[in-house]
Amino acid sequence: MTRWHWPLVLAVLTFIGLVSALLGEGGPFWFVSWLALSVPLLVIALAVVRSLFRRPG
């Protein structure tokens, strides 16, 4: 389970964000959707930045 822990967390966050954006009627639903959908994007951006500044070898 350790190997799949973080990908599952990101998948659940994405699902919550998408459902909140589709079914919510504003206010707190939009905030939850923005928050939940921004976390995977931040993780991707962090991985890209880390790979760019990683030393070869």
PDB file of N, CA and C in Angstrom:
ATOM      1  N   MET A   1       0.826  -1.209   0.000  1.00  0.00           N
ATOM      2  CA  MET A   1       0.000   0.000   0.000  1.00  0.00           C
ATOM      3  C   MET A   1       0.857   1.253   0.000  1.00  0.00           C
ATOM      4  N   THR A   2       2.074   1.157   0.493  1.00  0.00           N
ATOM      5  CA  THR A   2       2.925   2.333   0.586  1.00  0.00           C
ATOM      6  C   THR A   2       3.199   2.932  -0.787  1.00  0.00           C
ATOM      7  N   ARG A   3       3.381   2.092  -1.765  1.00  0.00           N
ATOM      8  CA  ARG A   3       3.699   2.567  -3.105  1.00  0.00           C
ATOM      9  C   ARG A   3       2.553   3.397  -3.702  1.00  0.00           C
ATOM     10  N   TRP A   4       1.323   3.060  -3.385  1.00  0.00           N
ATOM     11  CA  TRP A   4       0.167   3.713  -3.994  1.00  0.00           C
ATOM     12  C   TRP A   4      -0.484   4.756  -3.096  1.00  0.00           C
ATOM     13  N   HIS A   5       0.111   5.059  -1.979  1.00  0.00           N
ATOM     14  CA  HIS A   5      -0.514   5.974  -1.025  1.00  0.00           C
ATOM     15  C   HIS A   5      -0.722   7.375  -1.615  1.00  0.00           C
ATOM     16  N   TRP A   6       0.325   8.020  -2.069  1.00  0.00           N
ATOM     17  CA  TRP A   6       0.197   9.404  -2.560  1.00  0.00           C
ATOM     18  C   TRP A   6      -0.547   9.515  -3.883  1.00  0.00           C
ATOM     19  N   PRO A   7      -0.364   8.617  -4.844  1.00  0.00           N
ATOM     20  CA  PRO A   7      -1.210   8.709  -6.041  1.00  0.00           C
ATOM     21  C   PRO A   7      -2.698   8.562  -5.731  1.00  0.00           C
ATOM     22  N   LEU A   8      -3.037   7.709  -4.781  1.00  0.00           N
ATOM     23  CA  LEU A   8      -4.449   7.578  -4.399  1.00  0.00           C
ATOM     24  C   LEU A   8      -4.970   8.840  -3.724  1.00  0.00           C
ATOM     25  N   VAL A   9      -4.150   9.461  -2.899  1.00  0.00           N
ATOM     26  CA  VAL A   9      -4.553  10.714  -2.261  1.00  0.00           C
ATOM     27  C   VAL A   9      -4.811  11.788  -3.318  1.00  0.00           C
ATOM     28  N   LEU A  10      -3.925  11.889  -4.296  1.00  0.00           N
ATOM     29  CA  LEU A  10      -4.111  12.881  -5.357  1.00  0.00           C
ATOM     30  C   LEU A  10      -5.344  12.560  -6.208  1.00  0.00           C
ATOM     31  N   ALA A  11      -5.603  11.291  -6.458  1.00  0.00           N
ATOM     32  CA  ALA A  11      -6.794  10.905  -7.224  1.00  0.00           C
ATOM     33  C   ALA A  11      -8.071  11.251  -6.472  1.00  0.00           C
ATOM     34  N   VAL A  12      -8.093  11.009  -5.175  1.00  0.00           N
ATOM     35  CA  VAL A  12      -9.273  11.333  -4.375  1.00  0.00           C
ATOM     36  C   VAL A  12      -9.480  12.843  -4.320  1.00  0.00           C
ATOM     37  N   LEU A  13      -8.410  13.595  -4.159  1.00  0.00           N
ATOM     38  CA  LEU A  13      -8.526  15.059  -4.163  1.00  0.00           C
ATOM     39  C   LEU A  13      -9.070  15.571  -5.497  1.00  0.00           C
ATOM     40  N   THR A  14      -8.586  15.009  -6.589  1.00  0.00           N
ATOM     41  CA  THR A  14      -9.065  15.409  -7.910  1.00  0.00           C
ATOM     42  C   THR A  14     -10.542  15.080  -8.064  1.00  0.00           C
ATOM     43  N   PHE A  15     -10.934  13.900  -7.632  1.00  0.00           N
ATOM     44  CA  PHE A  15     -12.342  13.501  -7.713  1.00  0.00           C
ATOM     45  C   PHE A  15     -13.228  14.432  -6.886  1.00  0.00           C
ATOM     46  N   ILE A  16     -12.811  14.734  -5.674  1.00  0.00           N
ATOM     47  CA  ILE A  16     -13.583  15.643  -4.811  1.00  0.00           C
ATOM     48  C   ILE A  16     -13.699  17.013  -5.456  1.00  0.00           C
ATOM     49  N   GLY A  17     -12.609  17.502  -6.033  1.00  0.00           N
ATOM     50  CA  GLY A  17     -12.639  18.805  -6.689  1.00  0.00           C
ATOM     51  C   GLY A  17     -13.569  18.836  -7.886  1.00  0.00           C
ATOM     52  N   LEU A  18     -13.534  17.781  -8.693  1.00  0.00           N
ATOM     53  CA  LEU A  18     -14.396  17.741  -9.873  1.00  0.00           C
ATOM     54  C   LEU A  18     -15.872  17.627  -9.491  1.00  0.00           C
ATOM     55  N   VAL A  19     -16.181  16.793  -8.533  1.00  0.00           N
ATOM     56  CA  VAL A  19     -17.577  16.643  -8.098  1.00  0.00           C
ATOM     57  C   VAL A  19     -18.076  17.927  -7.468  1.00  0.00           C
ATOM     58  N   SER A  20     -17.234  18.564  -6.682  1.00  0.00           N
ATOM     59  CA  SER A  20     -17.628  19.821  -6.053  1.00  0.00           C
ATOM     60  C   SER A  20     -17.883  20.904  -7.097  1.00  0.00           C
ATOM     61  N   ALA A  21     -17.053  20.943  -8.126  1.00  0.00           N
ATOM     62  CA  ALA A  21     -17.240  21.954  -9.170  1.00  0.00           C
ATOM     63  C   ALA A  21     -18.489  21.680 -10.003  1.00  0.00           C
ATOM     64  N   LEU A  22     -18.782  20.413 -10.231  1.00  0.00           N
ATOM     65  CA  LEU A  22     -19.936  20.078 -11.067  1.00  0.00           C
ATOM     66  C   LEU A  22     -21.267  20.176 -10.330  1.00  0.00           C
ATOM     67  N   LEU A  23     -21.292  19.823  -9.062  1.00  0.00           N
ATOM     68  CA  LEU A  23     -22.554  19.769  -8.335  1.00  0.00           C
ATOM     69  C   LEU A  23     -22.811  20.976  -7.444  1.00  0.00           C
ATOM     70  N   GLY A  24     -21.771  21.719  -7.121  1.00  0.00           N
ATOM     71  CA  GLY A  24     -21.931  22.859  -6.227  1.00  0.00           C
ATOM     72  C   GLY A  24     -22.543  24.058  -6.915  1.00  0.00           C
ATOM     73  N   GLU A  25     -23.189  24.886  -6.131  1.00  0.00           N
ATOM     74  CA  GLU A  25     -23.851  26.079  -6.661  1.00  0.00           C
ATOM     75  C   GLU A  25     -23.178  27.367  -6.219  1.00  0.00           C
ATOM     76  N   GLY A  26     -21.885  27.326  -5.954  1.00  0.00           N
ATOM     77  CA  GLY A  26     -21.177  28.548  -5.604  1.00  0.00           C
ATOM     78  C   GLY A  26     -20.580  28.493  -4.219  1.00  0.00           C
ATOM     79  N   GLY A  27     -20.054  29.636  -3.793  1.00  0.00           N
ATOM     80  CA  GLY A  27     -19.519  29.809  -2.448  1.00  0.00           C
ATOM     81  C   GLY A  27     -18.540  28.740  -2.009  1.00  0.00           C
ATOM     82  N   PRO A  28     -18.897  27.980  -0.987  1.00  0.00           N
ATOM     83  CA  PRO A  28     -17.962  26.996  -0.430  1.00  0.00           C
ATOM     84  C   PRO A  28     -17.614  25.876  -1.413  1.00  0.00           C
ATOM     85  N   PHE A  29     -18.552  25.517  -2.286  1.00  0.00           N
ATOM     86  CA  PHE A  29     -18.268  24.455  -3.252  1.00  0.00           C
ATOM     87  C   PHE A  29     -17.157  24.863  -4.211  1.00  0.00           C
ATOM     88  N   TRP A  30     -17.186  26.091  -4.668  1.00  0.00           N
ATOM     89  CA  TRP A  30     -16.139  26.560  -5.578  1.00  0.00           C
ATOM     90  C   TRP A  30     -14.791  26.641  -4.869  1.00  0.00           C
ATOM     91  N   PHE A  31     -14.801  27.066  -3.613  1.00  0.00           N
ATOM     92  CA  PHE A  31     -13.560  27.119  -2.844  1.00  0.00           C
ATOM     93  C   PHE A  31     -12.961  25.724  -2.683  1.00  0.00           C
ATOM     94  N   VAL A  32     -13.804  24.753  -2.347  1.00  0.00           N
ATOM     95  CA  VAL A  32     -13.331  23.373  -2.187  1.00  0.00           C
ATOM     96  C   VAL A  32     -12.807  22.844  -3.513  1.00  0.00           C
ATOM     97  N   SER A  33     -13.496  23.135  -4.602  1.00  0.00           N
ATOM     98  CA  SER A  33     -13.043  22.628  -5.900  1.00  0.00           C
ATOM     99  C   SER A  33     -11.710  23.263  -6.302  1.00  0.00           C
ATOM    100  N   TRP A  34     -11.547  24.548  -6.109  1.00  0.00           N
ATOM    101  CA  TRP A  34     -10.273  25.205  -6.428  1.00  0.00           C
ATOM    102  C   TRP A  34      -9.150  24.650  -5.570  1.00  0.00           C
ATOM    103  N   LEU A  35      -9.415  24.485  -4.303  1.00  0.00           N
ATOM    104  CA  LEU A  35      -8.390  23.967  -3.394  1.00  0.00           C
ATOM    105  C   LEU A  35      -8.012  22.527  -3.758  1.00  0.00           C
ATOM    106  N   ALA A  36      -9.015  21.685  -3.963  1.00  0.00           N
ATOM    107  CA  ALA A  36      -8.752  20.277  -4.244  1.00  0.00           C
ATOM    108  C   ALA A  36      -8.085  20.081  -5.608  1.00  0.00           C
ATOM    109  N   LEU A  37      -8.431  20.888  -6.590  1.00  0.00           N
ATOM    110  CA  LEU A  37      -7.840  20.739  -7.918  1.00  0.00           C
ATOM    111  C   LEU A  37      -6.477  21.412  -8.038  1.00  0.00           C
ATOM    112  N   SER A  38      -6.153  22.316  -7.142  1.00  0.00           N
ATOM    113  CA  SER A  38      -4.848  22.969  -7.212  1.00  0.00           C
ATOM    114  C   SER A  38      -3.738  22.130  -6.593  1.00  0.00           C
ATOM    115  N   VAL A  39      -4.071  21.255  -5.664  1.00  0.00           N
ATOM    116  CA  VAL A  39      -3.044  20.441  -5.001  1.00  0.00           C
ATOM    117  C   VAL A  39      -2.302  19.537  -5.994  1.00  0.00           C
ATOM    118  N   PRO A  40      -2.992  18.776  -6.859  1.00  0.00           N
ATOM    119  CA  PRO A  40      -2.248  17.970  -7.829  1.00  0.00           C
ATOM    120  C   PRO A  40      -1.393  18.814  -8.772  1.00  0.00           C
ATOM    121  N   LEU A  41      -1.867  19.980  -9.152  1.00  0.00           N
ATOM    122  CA  LEU A  41      -1.073  20.850 -10.020  1.00  0.00           C
ATOM    123  C   LEU A  41       0.178  21.351  -9.317  1.00  0.00           C
ATOM    124  N   LEU A  42       0.060  21.666  -8.044  1.00  0.00           N
ATOM    125  CA  LEU A  42       1.235  22.082  -7.272  1.00  0.00           C
ATOM    126  C   LEU A  42       2.239  20.944  -7.122  1.00  0.00           C
ATOM    127  N   VAL A  43       1.756  19.738  -6.954  1.00  0.00           N
ATOM    128  CA  VAL A  43       2.646  18.582  -6.855  1.00  0.00           C
ATOM    129  C   VAL A  43       3.382  18.367  -8.172  1.00  0.00           C
ATOM    130  N   ILE A  44       2.687  18.508  -9.290  1.00  0.00           N
ATOM    131  CA  ILE A  44       3.320  18.368 -10.605  1.00  0.00           C
ATOM    132  C   ILE A  44       4.367  19.456 -10.801  1.00  0.00           C
ATOM    133  N   ALA A  45       4.032  20.698 -10.469  1.00  0.00           N
ATOM    134  CA  ALA A  45       4.984  21.797 -10.617  1.00  0.00           C
ATOM    135  C   ALA A  45       6.219  21.581  -9.748  1.00  0.00           C
ATOM    136  N   LEU A  46       6.029  21.109  -8.532  1.00  0.00           N
ATOM    137  CA  LEU A  46       7.161  20.828  -7.649  1.00  0.00           C
ATOM    138  C   LEU A  46       8.052  19.732  -8.225  1.00  0.00           C
ATOM    139  N   ALA A  47       7.453  18.697  -8.783  1.00  0.00           N
ATOM    140  CA  ALA A  47       8.240  17.613  -9.382  1.00  0.00           C
ATOM    141  C   ALA A  47       9.037  18.105 -10.583  1.00  0.00           C
ATOM    142  N   VAL A  48       8.448  18.979 -11.390  1.00  0.00           N
ATOM    143  CA  VAL A  48       9.164  19.520 -12.554  1.00  0.00           C
ATOM    144  C   VAL A  48      10.334  20.382 -12.109  1.00  0.00           C
ATOM    145  N   VAL A  49      10.102  21.253 -11.145  1.00  0.00           N
ATOM    146  CA  VAL A  49      11.178  22.124 -10.651  1.00  0.00           C
ATOM    147  C   VAL A  49      12.296  21.295 -10.037  1.00  0.00           C
ATOM    148  N   ARG A  50      11.938  20.280  -9.262  1.00  0.00           N
ATOM    149  CA  ARG A  50      12.973  19.425  -8.668  1.00  0.00           C
ATOM    150  C   ARG A  50      13.775  18.695  -9.733  1.00  0.00           C
ATOM    151  N   SER A  51      13.116  18.252 -10.804  1.00  0.00           N
ATOM    152  CA  SER A  51      13.842  17.529 -11.848  1.00  0.00           C
ATOM    153  C   SER A  51      14.757  18.468 -12.641  1.00  0.00           C
ATOM    154  N   LEU A  52      14.382  19.723 -12.751  1.00  0.00           N
ATOM    155  CA  LEU A  52      15.222  20.669 -13.489  1.00  0.00           C
ATOM    156  C   LEU A  52      16.489  21.006 -12.735  1.00  0.00           C
ATOM    157  N   PHE A  53      16.420  21.040 -11.412  1.00  0.00           N
ATOM    158  CA  PHE A  53      17.568  21.440 -10.608  1.00  0.00           C
ATOM    159  C   PHE A  53      18.317  20.260  -9.981  1.00  0.00           C
ATOM    160  N   ARG A  54      17.957  19.055 -10.402  1.00  0.00           N
ATOM    161  CA  ARG A  54      18.639  17.878  -9.884  1.00  0.00           C
ATOM    162  C   ARG A  54      19.988  17.717 -10.562  1.00  0.00           C
ATOM    163  N   ARG A  55      20.984  17.382  -9.792  1.00  0.00           N
ATOM    164  CA  ARG A  55      22.332  17.197 -10.332  1.00  0.00           C
ATOM    165  C   ARG A  55      22.423  15.837 -11.022  1.00  0.00           C
ATOM    166  N   PRO A  56      23.016  15.802 -12.193  1.00  0.00           N
ATOM    167  CA  PRO A  56      23.159  14.498 -12.864  1.00  0.00           C
ATOM    168  C   PRO A  56      24.189  13.633 -12.125  1.00  0.00           C
ATOM    169  N   GLY A  57      23.937  12.361 -12.151  1.00  0.00           N
ATOM    170  CA  GLY A  57      24.915  11.458 -11.557  1.00  0.00           C
ATOM    171  C   GLY A  57      24.336  10.682 -10.505  1.00  0.00           C
TER     172      GLY A  57
END
